């Protein structure tokens, strides 16, 4: 397993949760359901992927595949606010997490 996958998932989880707060405070387009929902989905799937990886669940590669997809969607949602540094940072964290999880899912890292 790439050694920093869990750390990337944790940074993404933290960034998404912080960005939800930022988005709700900004209001308007920032508080739309699609964006907030994508961020909350990423927060939850990152937590789940971290848990699966840490305990060596036999389904960890599948969970990471789902995590990659959801985090990529969150990154795309954040990129619509590219001029906002908080949104940009969140998009970057989501992309790094998605890449790490995609590598685990595609290469069969940690296969049971």
N, C-alpha and C. Protein backbone atom coordinates (compact mmCIF):
# COMPACT_ATOMS: atom_id res chain seq x y z
N UNK A 1 0.86 -1.18 0.00
CA UNK A 1 0.00 0.00 0.00
C UNK A 1 0.90 1.23 0.00
N UNK A 2 0.56 2.20 -0.83
CA UNK A 2 1.30 3.46 -0.73
C UNK A 2 1.21 3.96 0.72
N UNK A 3 2.33 4.32 1.31
CA UNK A 3 2.35 4.60 2.75
C UNK A 3 1.51 5.79 3.18
N UNK A 4 1.20 6.69 2.30
CA UNK A 4 0.49 7.89 2.72
C UNK A 4 -0.99 7.89 2.34
N UNK A 5 -1.53 6.74 1.92
CA UNK A 5 -2.94 6.69 1.53
C UNK A 5 -3.86 7.08 2.67
N UNK A 6 -3.63 6.53 3.84
CA UNK A 6 -4.48 6.87 4.99
C UNK A 6 -4.36 8.35 5.31
N UNK A 7 -3.15 8.88 5.26
CA UNK A 7 -2.95 10.31 5.53
C UNK A 7 -3.68 11.18 4.49
N UNK A 8 -3.64 10.77 3.24
CA UNK A 8 -4.34 11.52 2.19
C UNK A 8 -5.85 11.47 2.40
N UNK A 9 -6.35 10.32 2.78
CA UNK A 9 -7.79 10.19 3.08
C UNK A 9 -8.17 11.08 4.26
N UNK A 10 -7.33 11.09 5.29
CA UNK A 10 -7.62 11.89 6.46
C UNK A 10 -7.60 13.39 6.13
N UNK A 11 -6.61 13.82 5.32
CA UNK A 11 -6.55 15.23 4.92
C UNK A 11 -7.77 15.61 4.08
N UNK A 12 -8.19 14.71 3.22
CA UNK A 12 -9.39 14.96 2.41
C UNK A 12 -10.62 15.06 3.30
N UNK A 13 -10.75 14.14 4.24
CA UNK A 13 -11.88 14.15 5.16
C UNK A 13 -11.93 15.47 5.92
N UNK A 14 -10.80 15.89 6.45
CA UNK A 14 -10.73 17.15 7.19
C UNK A 14 -11.04 18.35 6.30
N UNK A 15 -10.47 18.35 5.09
CA UNK A 15 -10.69 19.46 4.16
C UNK A 15 -12.16 19.57 3.78
N UNK A 16 -12.78 18.44 3.51
CA UNK A 16 -14.20 18.46 3.12
C UNK A 16 -15.08 18.95 4.26
N UNK A 17 -14.81 18.49 5.46
CA UNK A 17 -15.61 18.92 6.61
C UNK A 17 -15.43 20.42 6.85
N UNK A 18 -14.20 20.91 6.78
CA UNK A 18 -13.95 22.35 6.93
C UNK A 18 -14.61 23.14 5.82
N UNK A 19 -14.62 22.59 4.62
CA UNK A 19 -15.20 23.29 3.48
C UNK A 19 -16.71 23.35 3.56
N UNK A 20 -17.33 22.34 4.15
CA UNK A 20 -18.79 22.41 4.37
C UNK A 20 -19.11 23.63 5.24
N UNK A 21 -18.37 23.80 6.31
CA UNK A 21 -18.58 24.96 7.18
C UNK A 21 -18.37 26.25 6.42
N UNK A 22 -17.31 26.32 5.64
CA UNK A 22 -17.01 27.50 4.83
C UNK A 22 -18.15 27.78 3.85
N UNK A 23 -18.61 26.74 3.18
CA UNK A 23 -19.66 26.90 2.18
C UNK A 23 -20.97 27.38 2.81
N UNK A 24 -21.32 26.81 3.94
CA UNK A 24 -22.57 27.21 4.59
C UNK A 24 -22.50 28.65 5.11
N UNK A 25 -21.33 29.05 5.56
CA UNK A 25 -21.17 30.44 6.01
C UNK A 25 -21.26 31.41 4.84
N UNK A 26 -20.72 31.01 3.69
CA UNK A 26 -20.77 31.87 2.50
C UNK A 26 -22.19 31.98 1.96
N UNK A 27 -22.93 30.89 2.03
CA UNK A 27 -24.31 30.88 1.56
C UNK A 27 -24.41 30.95 0.04
N UNK A 28 -25.61 31.23 -0.42
CA UNK A 28 -25.85 31.33 -1.86
C UNK A 28 -25.48 30.06 -2.58
N UNK A 29 -24.78 30.21 -3.71
CA UNK A 29 -24.38 29.05 -4.51
C UNK A 29 -23.52 28.07 -3.72
N UNK A 30 -22.77 28.59 -2.77
CA UNK A 30 -21.90 27.73 -1.95
C UNK A 30 -22.71 26.73 -1.13
N UNK A 31 -23.89 27.11 -0.74
CA UNK A 31 -24.69 26.27 0.16
C UNK A 31 -25.67 25.36 -0.58
N UNK A 32 -25.50 25.25 -1.89
CA UNK A 32 -26.42 24.40 -2.65
C UNK A 32 -26.22 22.93 -2.28
N UNK A 33 -27.29 22.21 -2.36
CA UNK A 33 -27.32 20.81 -1.93
C UNK A 33 -26.30 19.93 -2.65
N UNK A 34 -26.09 20.16 -3.94
CA UNK A 34 -25.15 19.33 -4.70
C UNK A 34 -23.73 19.45 -4.14
N UNK A 35 -23.30 20.66 -3.86
CA UNK A 35 -21.95 20.86 -3.34
C UNK A 35 -21.82 20.31 -1.92
N UNK A 36 -22.71 20.72 -1.05
CA UNK A 36 -22.63 20.27 0.35
C UNK A 36 -22.77 18.75 0.42
N UNK A 37 -23.67 18.19 -0.36
CA UNK A 37 -23.84 16.74 -0.37
C UNK A 37 -22.59 16.01 -0.84
N UNK A 38 -21.94 16.54 -1.88
CA UNK A 38 -20.71 15.92 -2.38
C UNK A 38 -19.61 15.95 -1.32
N UNK A 39 -19.52 17.06 -0.62
CA UNK A 39 -18.50 17.19 0.44
C UNK A 39 -18.78 16.24 1.60
N UNK A 40 -20.04 16.13 2.00
CA UNK A 40 -20.39 15.22 3.09
C UNK A 40 -20.21 13.76 2.69
N UNK A 41 -20.53 13.44 1.42
CA UNK A 41 -20.29 12.08 0.93
C UNK A 41 -18.80 11.74 1.01
N UNK A 42 -17.97 12.68 0.58
CA UNK A 42 -16.52 12.46 0.61
C UNK A 42 -16.02 12.30 2.04
N UNK A 43 -16.54 13.11 2.93
CA UNK A 43 -16.16 13.00 4.34
C UNK A 43 -16.45 11.60 4.87
N UNK A 44 -17.63 11.12 4.59
CA UNK A 44 -18.03 9.80 5.10
C UNK A 44 -17.24 8.66 4.46
N UNK A 45 -17.05 8.72 3.14
CA UNK A 45 -16.36 7.62 2.47
C UNK A 45 -14.88 7.60 2.83
N UNK A 46 -14.30 8.75 3.09
CA UNK A 46 -12.91 8.78 3.54
C UNK A 46 -12.78 8.11 4.90
N UNK A 47 -13.68 8.44 5.80
CA UNK A 47 -13.65 7.80 7.13
C UNK A 47 -13.78 6.30 7.00
N UNK A 48 -14.70 5.85 6.16
CA UNK A 48 -14.90 4.42 5.97
C UNK A 48 -13.67 3.77 5.35
N UNK A 49 -13.09 4.41 4.36
CA UNK A 49 -11.89 3.84 3.73
C UNK A 49 -10.73 3.76 4.71
N UNK A 50 -10.56 4.78 5.52
CA UNK A 50 -9.51 4.75 6.54
C UNK A 50 -9.74 3.55 7.46
N UNK A 51 -10.96 3.37 7.91
CA UNK A 51 -11.27 2.26 8.81
C UNK A 51 -10.99 0.91 8.14
N UNK A 52 -11.42 0.75 6.89
CA UNK A 52 -11.21 -0.51 6.18
C UNK A 52 -9.73 -0.78 5.98
N UNK A 53 -8.96 0.25 5.64
CA UNK A 53 -7.52 0.08 5.44
C UNK A 53 -6.81 -0.26 6.74
N UNK A 54 -7.15 0.43 7.80
CA UNK A 54 -6.46 0.21 9.08
C UNK A 54 -6.68 -1.20 9.61
N UNK A 55 -7.87 -1.71 9.44
CA UNK A 55 -8.13 -3.04 10.00
C UNK A 55 -7.94 -4.16 8.99
N UNK A 56 -7.55 -3.81 7.76
CA UNK A 56 -7.28 -4.83 6.75
C UNK A 56 -8.51 -5.56 6.27
N UNK A 57 -9.62 -4.85 6.15
CA UNK A 57 -10.85 -5.48 5.68
C UNK A 57 -10.64 -6.11 4.31
N UNK A 58 -11.23 -7.29 4.08
CA UNK A 58 -11.10 -7.92 2.77
C UNK A 58 -11.76 -7.10 1.65
N UNK A 59 -12.58 -6.14 2.00
CA UNK A 59 -13.25 -5.30 1.00
C UNK A 59 -12.57 -3.94 0.83
N UNK A 60 -11.38 -3.79 1.37
CA UNK A 60 -10.72 -2.48 1.36
C UNK A 60 -10.42 -1.97 -0.05
N UNK A 61 -10.08 -2.83 -0.99
CA UNK A 61 -9.79 -2.33 -2.34
C UNK A 61 -11.07 -1.83 -3.01
N UNK A 62 -12.17 -2.48 -2.75
CA UNK A 62 -13.45 -2.02 -3.32
C UNK A 62 -13.89 -0.71 -2.69
N UNK A 63 -13.70 -0.60 -1.38
CA UNK A 63 -14.05 0.64 -0.69
C UNK A 63 -13.21 1.80 -1.23
N UNK A 64 -11.94 1.54 -1.46
CA UNK A 64 -11.07 2.59 -2.01
C UNK A 64 -11.50 2.99 -3.41
N UNK A 65 -12.01 2.05 -4.19
CA UNK A 65 -12.51 2.39 -5.52
C UNK A 65 -13.69 3.35 -5.45
N UNK A 66 -14.59 3.09 -4.53
CA UNK A 66 -15.73 3.98 -4.32
C UNK A 66 -15.26 5.33 -3.79
N UNK A 67 -14.29 5.30 -2.88
CA UNK A 67 -13.74 6.54 -2.32
C UNK A 67 -13.16 7.41 -3.43
N UNK A 68 -12.42 6.80 -4.35
CA UNK A 68 -11.83 7.55 -5.46
C UNK A 68 -12.90 8.24 -6.28
N UNK A 69 -13.97 7.53 -6.58
CA UNK A 69 -15.05 8.10 -7.39
C UNK A 69 -15.74 9.26 -6.67
N UNK A 70 -16.04 9.08 -5.41
CA UNK A 70 -16.75 10.11 -4.66
C UNK A 70 -15.87 11.33 -4.44
N UNK A 71 -14.60 11.11 -4.14
CA UNK A 71 -13.70 12.25 -3.92
C UNK A 71 -13.46 13.02 -5.22
N UNK A 72 -13.44 12.33 -6.33
CA UNK A 72 -13.30 13.01 -7.62
C UNK A 72 -14.52 13.91 -7.88
N UNK A 73 -15.69 13.42 -7.54
CA UNK A 73 -16.91 14.24 -7.70
C UNK A 73 -16.87 15.46 -6.78
N UNK A 74 -16.39 15.28 -5.58
CA UNK A 74 -16.27 16.42 -4.65
C UNK A 74 -15.28 17.44 -5.19
N UNK A 75 -14.17 16.96 -5.75
CA UNK A 75 -13.18 17.87 -6.33
C UNK A 75 -13.79 18.67 -7.47
N UNK A 76 -14.54 18.02 -8.32
CA UNK A 76 -15.20 18.71 -9.44
C UNK A 76 -16.18 19.75 -8.94
N UNK A 77 -16.91 19.43 -7.89
CA UNK A 77 -17.87 20.39 -7.33
C UNK A 77 -17.14 21.61 -6.77
N UNK A 78 -16.03 21.39 -6.10
CA UNK A 78 -15.26 22.50 -5.53
C UNK A 78 -14.62 23.36 -6.61
N UNK A 79 -14.23 22.74 -7.71
CA UNK A 79 -13.55 23.48 -8.77
C UNK A 79 -14.43 24.52 -9.44
N UNK A 80 -15.72 24.44 -9.24
CA UNK A 80 -16.59 25.48 -9.81
C UNK A 80 -16.41 26.80 -9.07
N UNK A 81 -15.69 26.75 -7.95
CA UNK A 81 -15.38 27.95 -7.15
C UNK A 81 -13.86 28.14 -7.10
N UNK A 82 -13.21 27.97 -8.23
CA UNK A 82 -11.74 27.93 -8.30
C UNK A 82 -11.07 29.19 -7.75
N UNK A 83 -11.75 30.32 -7.80
CA UNK A 83 -11.14 31.57 -7.31
C UNK A 83 -11.11 31.63 -5.78
N UNK A 84 -11.85 30.75 -5.13
CA UNK A 84 -11.90 30.72 -3.67
C UNK A 84 -10.80 29.80 -3.16
N UNK A 85 -9.85 30.31 -2.38
CA UNK A 85 -8.72 29.47 -1.94
C UNK A 85 -9.13 28.27 -1.08
N UNK A 86 -10.17 28.39 -0.29
CA UNK A 86 -10.62 27.26 0.53
C UNK A 86 -11.17 26.15 -0.38
N UNK A 87 -11.94 26.54 -1.37
CA UNK A 87 -12.51 25.56 -2.29
C UNK A 87 -11.41 24.92 -3.14
N UNK A 88 -10.46 25.72 -3.55
CA UNK A 88 -9.34 25.20 -4.35
C UNK A 88 -8.53 24.19 -3.54
N UNK A 89 -8.24 24.51 -2.30
CA UNK A 89 -7.47 23.60 -1.44
C UNK A 89 -8.23 22.29 -1.21
N UNK A 90 -9.53 22.39 -1.06
CA UNK A 90 -10.33 21.18 -0.86
C UNK A 90 -10.30 20.32 -2.12
N UNK A 91 -10.44 20.95 -3.27
CA UNK A 91 -10.38 20.20 -4.53
C UNK A 91 -9.05 19.46 -4.66
N UNK A 92 -7.97 20.12 -4.30
CA UNK A 92 -6.66 19.49 -4.37
C UNK A 92 -6.55 18.30 -3.41
N UNK A 93 -7.04 18.46 -2.20
CA UNK A 93 -7.00 17.36 -1.22
C UNK A 93 -7.84 16.18 -1.72
N UNK A 94 -8.98 16.48 -2.30
CA UNK A 94 -9.85 15.42 -2.84
C UNK A 94 -9.17 14.69 -3.99
N UNK A 95 -8.51 15.42 -4.85
CA UNK A 95 -7.81 14.80 -5.99
C UNK A 95 -6.66 13.90 -5.53
N UNK A 96 -5.92 14.35 -4.53
CA UNK A 96 -4.81 13.53 -4.01
C UNK A 96 -5.35 12.24 -3.39
N UNK A 97 -6.43 12.35 -2.64
CA UNK A 97 -7.04 11.17 -2.03
C UNK A 97 -7.57 10.23 -3.12
N UNK A 98 -8.26 10.79 -4.10
CA UNK A 98 -8.81 9.98 -5.18
C UNK A 98 -7.71 9.23 -5.92
N UNK A 99 -6.60 9.89 -6.18
CA UNK A 99 -5.48 9.25 -6.89
C UNK A 99 -4.90 8.10 -6.07
N UNK A 100 -4.71 8.32 -4.78
CA UNK A 100 -4.15 7.28 -3.91
C UNK A 100 -5.10 6.09 -3.81
N UNK A 101 -6.38 6.37 -3.66
CA UNK A 101 -7.36 5.28 -3.54
C UNK A 101 -7.54 4.56 -4.87
N UNK A 102 -7.49 5.29 -5.96
CA UNK A 102 -7.60 4.68 -7.29
C UNK A 102 -6.44 3.70 -7.52
N UNK A 103 -5.26 4.08 -7.06
CA UNK A 103 -4.09 3.21 -7.21
C UNK A 103 -4.29 1.91 -6.44
N UNK A 104 -4.80 2.01 -5.25
CA UNK A 104 -5.05 0.80 -4.45
C UNK A 104 -6.11 -0.07 -5.13
N UNK A 105 -7.19 0.55 -5.58
CA UNK A 105 -8.27 -0.21 -6.21
C UNK A 105 -7.83 -0.85 -7.53
N UNK A 106 -7.09 -0.10 -8.36
CA UNK A 106 -6.70 -0.60 -9.68
C UNK A 106 -5.60 -1.63 -9.62
N UNK A 107 -4.66 -1.44 -8.72
CA UNK A 107 -3.52 -2.34 -8.67
C UNK A 107 -3.72 -3.51 -7.72
N UNK A 108 -4.85 -3.54 -7.04
CA UNK A 108 -5.12 -4.64 -6.13
C UNK A 108 -4.25 -4.64 -4.89
N UNK A 109 -3.80 -3.44 -4.48
CA UNK A 109 -3.00 -3.34 -3.25
C UNK A 109 -3.77 -3.98 -2.12
N UNK A 110 -3.08 -4.63 -1.26
CA UNK A 110 -3.66 -5.24 -0.06
C UNK A 110 -4.66 -6.33 -0.38
N UNK A 111 -4.54 -6.95 -1.52
CA UNK A 111 -5.51 -7.98 -1.88
C UNK A 111 -5.54 -9.06 -0.80
N UNK A 112 -6.73 -9.52 -0.54
CA UNK A 112 -6.90 -10.53 0.51
C UNK A 112 -6.31 -11.85 0.12
